[in-house]
Amino acid sequence: MFDLDLWREIFQSINKNRLRTILSGFTVVFAIMLFTILFGLVNGLQNTFTEAFADDANNAIFINSGRTTKAYKGLQAGRRIQFENKEIDYIKDDNGNKVEFITARIYRNEVATFRNEKSNYSVKAVHPDHQFLERTVMNEGRYINQRDINEKTKVVVIGRLVEDDLFLKTTALGKYINLSGIQYKIVGIFSDEGNENEERSIYMPVSTAQQVYGNNEYIDQINLSYNPDMNFDQAIAFSKSLEKKLKERFSVAKLDQRAIRVRNMAEASRDVNQMMVVLGILVLVIGLGTLIAGIVGISNIMIFIVKERTKEIGIRKALGAQPRSIVLIILLESVLITAIAGYIGLLIGTGVLNLAGPSLKEYFITDPSVKTSLVVMATITLIIAGALAGYVPAKKASRIKPIVALRNE
């Protein structure tokens, strides 16, 4: 296998028959390149969906209020539905251990100032459970706690990029930040796996926001997560039950889709998973078709190569070469060409994905890439197919008598 003369002879044969080598290698290069690009694009789509759902818990439910679109029980359409703190207590008391975490949300846009630096940021007033629903990672300090809620303390937790923007020459933890004229102490700095907008957010206690921005108990949104032990059907039934009870609580018609909206991440995850399964099967079929085309191509070329070298085989036998060595040299040449061509196909495919990657984001494809092991397996498949395709005719040719082989046209 590692005989120097044998490998020198293989490279001489490749150099002598450049056109044949290029044709056989091109088939493999094209098959592996197309295989790499197809699976890279699918992985890019999966990355997009993973990134979209990375920001929130997989078992999250979002409850939003709006205006009624239908008259109901003597009440006119167009009525504003306003959630309050008591809805949080109602959901917890009514559902017990079905609720894992729950938080309110109040949205504000405020100008934040520290010394000479200022900028506009999204401010969200939340409960302590929000940390787990949003998958917030604390880099320094702490998150909002229950004492902050009870005492309506003027504290905030800021995103990593807020610190970068405003605190150029010092650390933010323990400092005071001015939000539209009111001083808040920074008790924590967080990072978020979502997009950069999330890390340019500021969190404060919901009770503090209610006191400062209206002296009321209003909330804009309710976020919760259901018990993770629930299966998909139970999770869907739970969210539908929540919607039904809240509509009854606010006297909203059953078919009114805008007054109270409940979005369950389980449904979104199911739809995405179904789509990805279908897409995966489709690309797998196309990828296998590409490999089969490559196998057929390399097989035909190998049969042609063996037939073309029949006279050469006869001369080798006449000079005393063993049939096994004749078969071996043909197979090693096939394996070498296929392996090098497969690597080139992988380089071209990954190069195309790297170059096109940034421009593909607008088509919902993020960081398209493919596992090297998958492409290596595809290349090995082509190598084995080429070896098998060359073995049968090579074995047959090695058994031909030298005089017959020399007469072959």
Protein backbone atom coordinates (compact mmCIF):
# COMPACT_ATOMS: atom_id res chain seq x y z
CA MET A 1 0.00 0.00 0.00
CA PHE A 2 2.89 2.38 0.84
CA ASP A 3 5.27 1.09 -1.82
CA LEU A 4 7.02 4.13 -3.29
CA ASP A 5 7.31 2.66 -6.77
CA LEU A 6 3.61 1.85 -6.79
CA TRP A 7 2.60 5.43 -5.92
CA ARG A 8 5.11 6.85 -8.40
CA GLU A 9 3.48 4.73 -11.07
CA ILE A 10 0.00 5.94 -10.05
CA PHE A 11 1.02 9.60 -10.30
CA GLN A 12 2.68 8.98 -13.64
CA SER A 13 -0.54 7.40 -14.91
CA ILE A 14 -2.57 10.39 -13.65
CA ASN A 15 -0.16 12.86 -15.26
CA LYS A 16 -0.16 10.95 -18.53
CA ASN A 17 -3.95 10.84 -18.71
CA ARG A 18 -4.83 14.36 -17.56
CA LEU A 19 -8.09 14.66 -19.50
CA ARG A 20 -9.37 11.38 -18.13
CA THR A 21 -8.37 12.44 -14.61
CA ILE A 22 -10.06 15.83 -14.96
CA LEU A 23 -13.29 14.27 -16.25
CA SER A 24 -13.49 11.72 -13.47
CA GLY A 25 -12.58 14.33 -10.84
CA PHE A 26 -15.07 16.89 -12.17
CA THR A 27 -17.97 14.49 -11.55
CA VAL A 28 -16.97 14.12 -7.92
CA VAL A 29 -16.22 17.84 -7.44
CA PHE A 30 -19.64 18.85 -8.76
CA ALA A 31 -21.51 16.24 -6.70
CA ILE A 32 -19.78 17.14 -3.41
CA MET A 33 -20.01 20.88 -4.08
CA LEU A 34 -23.76 20.71 -4.73
CA PHE A 35 -24.24 18.39 -1.74
CA THR A 36 -22.37 20.84 0.52
CA ILE A 37 -24.30 23.90 -0.69
CA LEU A 38 -27.71 22.21 -0.35
CA PHE A 39 -27.15 21.03 3.20
CA GLY A 40 -25.48 24.33 4.11
CA LEU A 41 -28.58 26.26 3.04
CA VAL A 42 -30.84 23.98 5.08
CA ASN A 43 -28.61 24.43 8.13
CA GLY A 44 -28.80 28.18 7.54
CA LEU A 45 -32.60 28.04 7.70
CA GLN A 46 -32.40 25.98 10.88
CA ASN A 47 -30.02 28.56 12.37
CA THR A 48 -32.51 31.32 11.56
CA PHE A 49 -35.34 29.56 13.37
CA THR A 50 -33.10 28.59 16.27
CA GLU A 51 -31.98 32.20 16.64
CA ALA A 52 -35.57 33.42 16.46
CA PHE A 53 -36.60 31.12 19.32
CA ALA A 54 -33.38 31.41 21.34
CA ASP A 55 -34.55 34.64 22.95
CA ASP A 56 -37.51 33.13 24.83
CA ALA A 57 -38.31 29.95 26.73
CA ASN A 58 -39.63 27.17 24.49
CA ASN A 59 -42.65 26.71 26.77
CA ALA A 60 -43.58 30.41 26.85
CA ILE A 61 -47.08 31.82 26.35
CA PHE A 62 -47.66 35.49 25.50
CA ILE A 63 -50.97 37.19 26.33
CA ASN A 64 -51.74 40.56 24.71
CA SER A 65 -54.78 42.78 24.92
CA GLY A 66 -56.32 45.04 22.29
CA ARG A 67 -59.73 46.38 21.34
CA THR A 68 -62.88 44.36 20.82
CA THR A 69 -64.12 43.96 17.26
CA LYS A 70 -67.54 42.52 18.12
CA ALA A 71 -70.39 43.70 20.33
CA TYR A 72 -71.05 41.29 23.19
CA LYS A 73 -73.48 41.20 26.13
CA GLY A 74 -74.67 44.72 25.42
CA LEU A 75 -71.13 46.08 25.20
CA GLN A 76 -70.08 47.94 22.07
CA ALA A 77 -67.27 46.97 19.70
CA GLY A 78 -64.07 49.00 19.97
CA ARG A 79 -63.83 48.64 23.74
CA ARG A 80 -60.25 48.73 25.09
CA ILE A 81 -59.22 45.68 27.12
CA GLN A 82 -56.81 46.71 29.88
CA PHE A 83 -54.92 44.12 31.96
CA GLU A 84 -54.05 44.90 35.59
CA ASN A 85 -52.00 43.28 38.36
CA LYS A 86 -55.04 41.29 39.48
CA GLU A 87 -54.92 39.30 36.21
CA ILE A 88 -51.49 37.97 37.19
CA ASP A 89 -52.88 36.82 40.55
CA TYR A 90 -55.97 35.35 38.86
CA ILE A 91 -53.91 33.24 36.45
CA LYS A 92 -51.63 31.96 39.21
CA ASP A 93 -54.47 31.13 41.59
CA ASP A 94 -56.66 29.53 38.92
CA ASN A 95 -53.98 27.29 37.37
CA GLY A 96 -51.74 26.28 40.24
CA ASN A 97 -48.75 24.14 39.17
CA LYS A 98 -49.66 24.43 35.49
CA VAL A 99 -47.83 27.78 35.53
CA GLU A 100 -44.05 27.60 35.87
CA PHE A 101 -43.09 31.31 35.67
CA ILE A 102 -45.21 34.42 35.13
CA THR A 103 -44.49 38.11 34.66
CA ALA A 104 -46.15 41.30 33.54
CA ARG A 105 -44.60 43.65 31.02
CA ILE A 106 -44.94 47.41 30.71
CA TYR A 107 -43.24 49.01 27.73
CA ARG A 108 -41.65 52.46 27.72
CA ASN A 109 -39.13 54.33 25.58
CA GLU A 110 -36.94 56.60 27.71
CA VAL A 111 -33.89 58.78 27.26
CA ALA A 112 -31.11 57.38 29.46
CA THR A 113 -28.32 59.70 30.61
CA PHE A 114 -25.04 59.16 32.41
CA ARG A 115 -22.82 62.21 32.75
CA ASN A 116 -22.35 63.56 29.19
CA GLU A 117 -23.58 60.44 27.41
CA LYS A 118 -27.22 59.83 26.54
CA SER A 119 -29.35 57.72 24.22
CA ASN A 120 -32.88 56.39 23.80
CA TYR A 121 -33.64 52.88 25.03
CA SER A 122 -36.51 50.44 25.42
CA VAL A 123 -37.48 50.17 29.09
CA LYS A 124 -39.44 47.11 30.22
CA ALA A 125 -41.05 46.88 33.63
CA VAL A 126 -41.17 43.24 34.75
CA HIS A 127 -41.45 40.76 37.60
CA PRO A 128 -38.49 38.61 38.78
CA ASP A 129 -39.72 35.57 36.78
CA HIS A 130 -39.03 37.52 33.60
CA GLN A 131 -35.37 36.52 33.86
CA PHE A 132 -36.22 32.88 33.17
CA LEU A 133 -38.81 33.57 30.49
CA GLU A 134 -36.40 35.83 28.58
CA ARG A 135 -33.39 33.59 29.27
CA THR A 136 -31.48 36.56 30.57
CA VAL A 137 -27.86 35.87 31.56
CA MET A 138 -26.52 38.04 34.37
CA ASN A 139 -22.95 39.18 33.73
CA GLU A 140 -22.66 41.27 36.90
CA GLY A 141 -24.84 42.01 39.91
CA ARG A 142 -28.39 40.69 40.22
CA TYR A 143 -31.78 40.76 38.56
CA ILE A 144 -35.01 42.38 39.77
CA ASN A 145 -36.19 40.60 42.94
CA GLN A 146 -39.41 40.39 44.94
CA ARG A 147 -38.22 42.98 47.46
CA ASP A 148 -37.89 45.48 44.61
CA ILE A 149 -41.51 44.74 43.65
CA ASN A 150 -42.81 45.05 47.20
CA GLU A 151 -40.91 48.25 48.03
CA LYS A 152 -41.15 49.84 44.55
CA THR A 153 -37.43 50.52 44.59
CA LYS A 154 -35.87 52.70 41.91
CA VAL A 155 -33.41 50.15 40.56
CA VAL A 156 -32.71 48.93 37.03
CA VAL A 157 -30.89 46.11 35.26
CA ILE A 158 -29.24 47.22 32.02
CA GLY A 159 -28.11 45.36 28.92
CA ARG A 160 -24.46 44.85 28.06
CA LEU A 161 -24.65 47.27 25.11
CA VAL A 162 -26.26 49.98 27.26
CA GLU A 163 -23.16 49.86 29.45
CA ASP A 164 -20.96 50.04 26.34
CA ASP A 165 -22.89 53.07 25.05
CA LEU A 166 -23.06 55.18 28.20
CA PHE A 167 -20.32 54.06 30.57
CA LEU A 168 -17.26 54.64 28.42
CA LYS A 169 -14.64 55.07 31.15
CA THR A 170 -16.15 53.25 34.11
CA THR A 171 -18.24 50.25 35.07
CA ALA A 172 -22.00 50.65 35.32
CA LEU A 173 -22.71 48.40 38.30
CA GLY A 174 -23.62 50.44 41.36
CA LYS A 175 -23.84 53.72 39.43
CA TYR A 176 -26.99 55.79 38.93
CA ILE A 177 -28.60 56.28 35.53
CA ASN A 178 -31.04 59.07 34.71
CA LEU A 179 -34.24 58.03 32.92
CA SER A 180 -36.14 61.12 31.81
CA GLY A 181 -35.20 63.05 34.93
CA ILE A 182 -35.42 60.23 37.51
CA GLN A 183 -32.34 58.55 39.03
CA TYR A 184 -32.20 54.74 39.16
CA LYS A 185 -29.48 52.62 40.69
CA ILE A 186 -27.97 49.96 38.40
CA VAL A 187 -27.99 46.65 40.26
CA GLY A 188 -27.18 44.31 37.38
CA ILE A 189 -25.81 44.01 33.84
CA PHE A 190 -27.11 41.27 31.56
CA SER A 191 -26.51 39.69 28.17
CA ASP A 192 -29.09 38.02 25.94
CA GLU A 193 -28.87 35.29 23.30
CA GLY A 194 -31.32 37.18 21.10
CA ASN A 195 -30.41 40.11 18.89
CA GLU A 196 -28.55 43.28 19.87
CA ASN A 197 -31.81 45.15 20.50
CA GLU A 198 -32.39 42.94 23.54
CA GLU A 199 -29.01 43.94 24.95
CA ARG A 200 -29.95 47.59 24.49
CA SER A 201 -32.87 47.20 26.89
CA ILE A 202 -33.38 48.30 30.49
CA TYR A 203 -35.47 46.37 33.05
CA MET A 204 -37.10 47.86 36.15
CA PRO A 205 -39.62 46.58 38.73
CA VAL A 206 -43.17 46.61 37.40
CA SER A 207 -44.47 48.23 40.60
CA THR A 208 -41.95 51.07 40.25
CA ALA A 209 -43.03 51.79 36.67
CA GLN A 210 -46.71 51.76 37.68
CA GLN A 211 -46.04 54.31 40.40
CA VAL A 212 -43.77 56.57 38.33
CA TYR A 213 -45.62 56.46 35.02
CA GLY A 214 -49.25 56.78 36.05
CA ASN A 215 -49.83 55.69 39.65
CA ASN A 216 -51.99 52.79 38.48
CA GLU A 217 -51.95 48.99 38.26
CA TYR A 218 -52.08 48.73 34.47
CA ILE A 219 -49.87 46.27 32.56
CA ASP A 220 -49.33 45.94 28.81
CA GLN A 221 -48.68 42.22 28.47
CA ILE A 222 -48.64 38.98 30.45
CA ASN A 223 -45.91 36.42 29.77
CA LEU A 224 -45.83 33.00 31.37
CA SER A 225 -44.41 29.54 30.88
CA TYR A 226 -46.38 26.36 31.36
CA ASN A 227 -45.20 23.34 33.33
CA PRO A 228 -42.48 21.68 31.19
CA ASP A 229 -43.87 18.25 32.10
CA MET A 230 -46.88 18.99 29.87
CA ASN A 231 -46.86 17.33 26.46
CA PHE A 232 -47.73 19.25 23.30
CA ASP A 233 -51.47 18.52 23.40
CA GLN A 234 -51.71 19.48 27.07
CA ALA A 235 -49.81 22.74 26.40
CA ILE A 236 -52.13 23.69 23.54
CA ALA A 237 -55.22 22.83 25.60
CA PHE A 238 -53.86 24.95 28.47
CA SER A 239 -53.36 28.04 26.30
CA LYS A 240 -56.83 27.66 24.76
CA SER A 241 -58.31 27.36 28.24
CA LEU A 242 -56.47 30.53 29.30
CA GLU A 243 -57.83 32.43 26.31
CA LYS A 244 -61.37 31.21 26.94
CA LYS A 245 -61.33 32.17 30.63
CA LEU A 246 -59.81 35.59 30.01
CA LYS A 247 -62.43 36.33 27.36
CA GLU A 248 -65.15 35.39 29.82
CA ARG A 249 -63.49 37.53 32.49
CA PHE A 250 -63.53 40.61 30.22
CA SER A 251 -66.84 39.82 28.46
CA VAL A 252 -65.27 39.29 25.04
CA ALA A 253 -66.96 37.30 22.27
CA LYS A 254 -65.46 33.87 21.59
CA LEU A 255 -64.76 34.69 17.94
CA ASP A 256 -63.18 38.06 18.68
CA GLN A 257 -59.54 37.53 17.66
CA ARG A 258 -58.12 40.95 18.52
CA ALA A 259 -59.37 41.79 22.01
CA ILE A 260 -57.31 39.10 23.77
CA ARG A 261 -54.57 37.27 21.90
CA VAL A 262 -52.80 34.23 23.33
CA ARG A 263 -49.69 32.98 21.50
CA ASN A 264 -48.21 29.65 22.53
CA MET A 265 -44.59 28.93 21.56
CA ALA A 266 -45.49 25.24 21.37
CA GLU A 267 -47.64 25.90 18.29
CA ALA A 268 -44.91 27.94 16.63
CA SER A 269 -42.33 25.25 17.45
CA ARG A 270 -44.60 22.56 16.00
CA ASP A 271 -45.11 24.48 12.75
CA VAL A 272 -41.39 25.16 12.40
CA ASN A 273 -40.47 21.54 13.18
CA GLN A 274 -42.95 20.23 10.63
CA MET A 275 -41.61 22.60 7.99
CA MET A 276 -38.00 21.67 8.76
CA VAL A 277 -38.80 17.94 8.58
CA VAL A 278 -40.41 18.36 5.16
CA LEU A 279 -37.54 20.56 3.98
CA GLY A 280 -34.98 18.12 5.38
CA ILE A 281 -36.59 15.20 3.55
CA LEU A 282 -36.71 17.22 0.32
CA VAL A 283 -33.05 18.21 0.55
CA LEU A 284 -32.08 14.66 1.55
CA VAL A 285 -33.78 13.32 -1.58
CA ILE A 286 -32.06 15.95 -3.73
CA GLY A 287 -28.74 15.29 -1.99
CA LEU A 288 -29.04 11.54 -2.49
CA GLY A 289 -29.98 12.16 -6.11
CA THR A 290 -26.83 14.25 -6.50
CA LEU A 291 -24.72 11.49 -4.96
CA ILE A 292 -26.35 8.84 -7.15
CA ALA A 293 -25.62 10.96 -10.21
CA GLY A 294 -22.03 11.24 -9.02
CA ILE A 295 -21.85 7.48 -8.43
CA VAL A 296 -23.18 6.75 -11.91
CA GLY A 297 -20.75 9.23 -13.41
CA ILE A 298 -17.68 7.90 -11.60
CA SER A 299 -18.76 4.31 -12.30
CA ASN A 300 -19.06 4.90 -16.03
CA ILE A 301 -15.69 6.64 -16.12
CA MET A 302 -14.07 3.76 -14.19
CA ILE A 303 -15.48 1.20 -16.62
CA PHE A 304 -14.12 3.28 -19.50
CA ILE A 305 -10.72 3.64 -17.80
CA VAL A 306 -10.37 -0.12 -17.31
CA LYS A 307 -11.40 -0.81 -20.90
CA GLU A 308 -8.95 1.79 -22.16
CA ARG A 309 -6.13 0.20 -20.17
CA THR A 310 -6.75 -3.37 -21.33
CA LYS A 311 -3.60 -3.40 -23.48
CA GLU A 312 -1.60 -1.94 -20.61
CA ILE A 313 -2.90 -4.72 -18.37
CA GLY A 314 -1.83 -7.30 -20.98
CA ILE A 315 1.69 -5.87 -21.08
CA ARG A 316 1.87 -5.93 -17.29
CA LYS A 317 0.81 -9.57 -17.21
CA ALA A 318 3.31 -10.43 -19.90
CA LEU A 319 6.02 -8.87 -17.74
CA GLY A 320 4.95 -11.02 -14.79
CA ALA A 321 2.58 -8.72 -12.86
CA GLN A 322 0.16 -10.49 -10.55
CA PRO A 323 -3.62 -9.95 -11.13
CA ARG A 324 -3.92 -8.59 -7.59
CA SER A 325 -1.34 -5.85 -8.20
CA ILE A 326 -3.09 -4.86 -11.44
CA VAL A 327 -6.42 -4.49 -9.66
CA LEU A 328 -4.78 -2.66 -6.76
CA ILE A 329 -3.14 0.02 -8.89
CA ILE A 330 -6.43 0.81 -10.67
CA LEU A 331 -8.38 0.99 -7.39
CA LEU A 332 -5.77 3.16 -5.66
CA GLU A 333 -5.80 5.56 -8.60
CA SER A 334 -9.60 5.77 -8.38
CA VAL A 335 -9.56 6.33 -4.62
CA LEU A 336 -6.87 9.03 -4.88
CA ILE A 337 -8.68 10.97 -7.61
CA THR A 338 -12.05 10.72 -5.82
CA ALA A 339 -10.59 11.78 -2.46
CA ILE A 340 -8.78 14.82 -3.87
CA ALA A 341 -11.79 15.81 -6.00
CA GLY A 342 -14.10 15.40 -2.99
CA TYR A 343 -11.89 17.71 -0.92
CA ILE A 344 -11.86 20.29 -3.72
CA GLY A 345 -15.67 20.04 -3.95
CA LEU A 346 -15.89 20.61 -0.19
CA LEU A 347 -13.63 23.67 -0.40
CA ILE A 348 -15.63 25.17 -3.28
CA GLY A 349 -18.96 24.45 -1.56
CA THR A 350 -17.91 25.95 1.78
CA GLY A 351 -16.30 28.88 -0.06
CA VAL A 352 -19.58 29.63 -1.85
CA LEU A 353 -21.48 29.44 1.45
CA ASN A 354 -18.98 31.75 3.19
CA LEU A 355 -19.07 34.32 0.38
CA ALA A 356 -22.85 34.26 -0.02
CA GLY A 357 -23.61 33.92 3.70
CA PRO A 358 -23.96 37.63 4.62
CA SER A 359 -26.24 38.38 1.64
CA LEU A 360 -28.47 35.38 2.38
CA LYS A 361 -29.73 36.84 5.68
CA GLU A 362 -32.42 38.76 3.84
CA TYR A 363 -33.72 35.37 2.66
CA PHE A 364 -33.86 34.07 6.27
CA ILE A 365 -30.69 32.01 5.93
CA THR A 366 -28.24 32.63 8.80
CA ASP A 367 -24.63 31.38 8.82
CA PRO A 368 -25.12 28.60 6.23
CA SER A 369 -22.66 25.80 6.91
CA VAL A 370 -22.41 22.04 6.80
CA LYS A 371 -20.75 19.52 9.09
CA THR A 372 -17.45 18.33 7.64
CA SER A 373 -18.24 14.80 8.79
CA LEU A 374 -21.38 14.74 6.59
CA VAL A 375 -19.43 15.77 3.48
CA VAL A 376 -16.64 13.32 4.33
CA MET A 377 -19.21 10.52 4.50
CA ALA A 378 -20.61 11.58 1.12
CA THR A 379 -17.08 11.57 -0.34
CA ILE A 380 -16.38 8.15 1.16
CA THR A 381 -19.61 6.92 -0.45
CA LEU A 382 -18.37 8.10 -3.85
CA ILE A 383 -14.96 6.55 -3.21
CA ILE A 384 -16.51 3.19 -2.35
CA ALA A 385 -18.83 3.41 -5.35
CA GLY A 386 -15.93 4.26 -7.66
CA ALA A 387 -13.82 1.47 -6.20
CA LEU A 388 -16.59 -1.09 -6.63
CA ALA A 389 -17.32 0.16 -10.14
CA GLY A 390 -13.66 -0.22 -11.06
CA TYR A 391 -13.07 -3.49 -9.23
CA VAL A 392 -15.37 -5.69 -11.30
CA PRO A 393 -14.02 -4.73 -14.75
CA ALA A 394 -10.44 -4.53 -13.37
CA LYS A 395 -10.75 -8.01 -11.91
CA LYS A 396 -12.14 -9.29 -15.19
CA ALA A 397 -9.41 -7.59 -17.21
CA SER A 398 -6.68 -8.94 -14.90
CA ARG A 399 -7.74 -12.50 -15.81
CA ILE A 400 -7.42 -11.96 -19.57
CA LYS A 401 -4.48 -13.72 -21.19
CA PRO A 402 -1.75 -11.28 -22.25
CA ILE A 403 -2.06 -12.16 -25.95
CA VAL A 404 -5.82 -11.52 -25.89
CA ALA A 405 -5.37 -8.22 -24.05
CA LEU A 406 -2.75 -7.04 -26.54
CA ARG A 407 -5.14 -7.74 -29.42
CA ASN A 408 -7.98 -5.73 -27.76
CA GLU A 409 -9.24 -2.76 -29.75
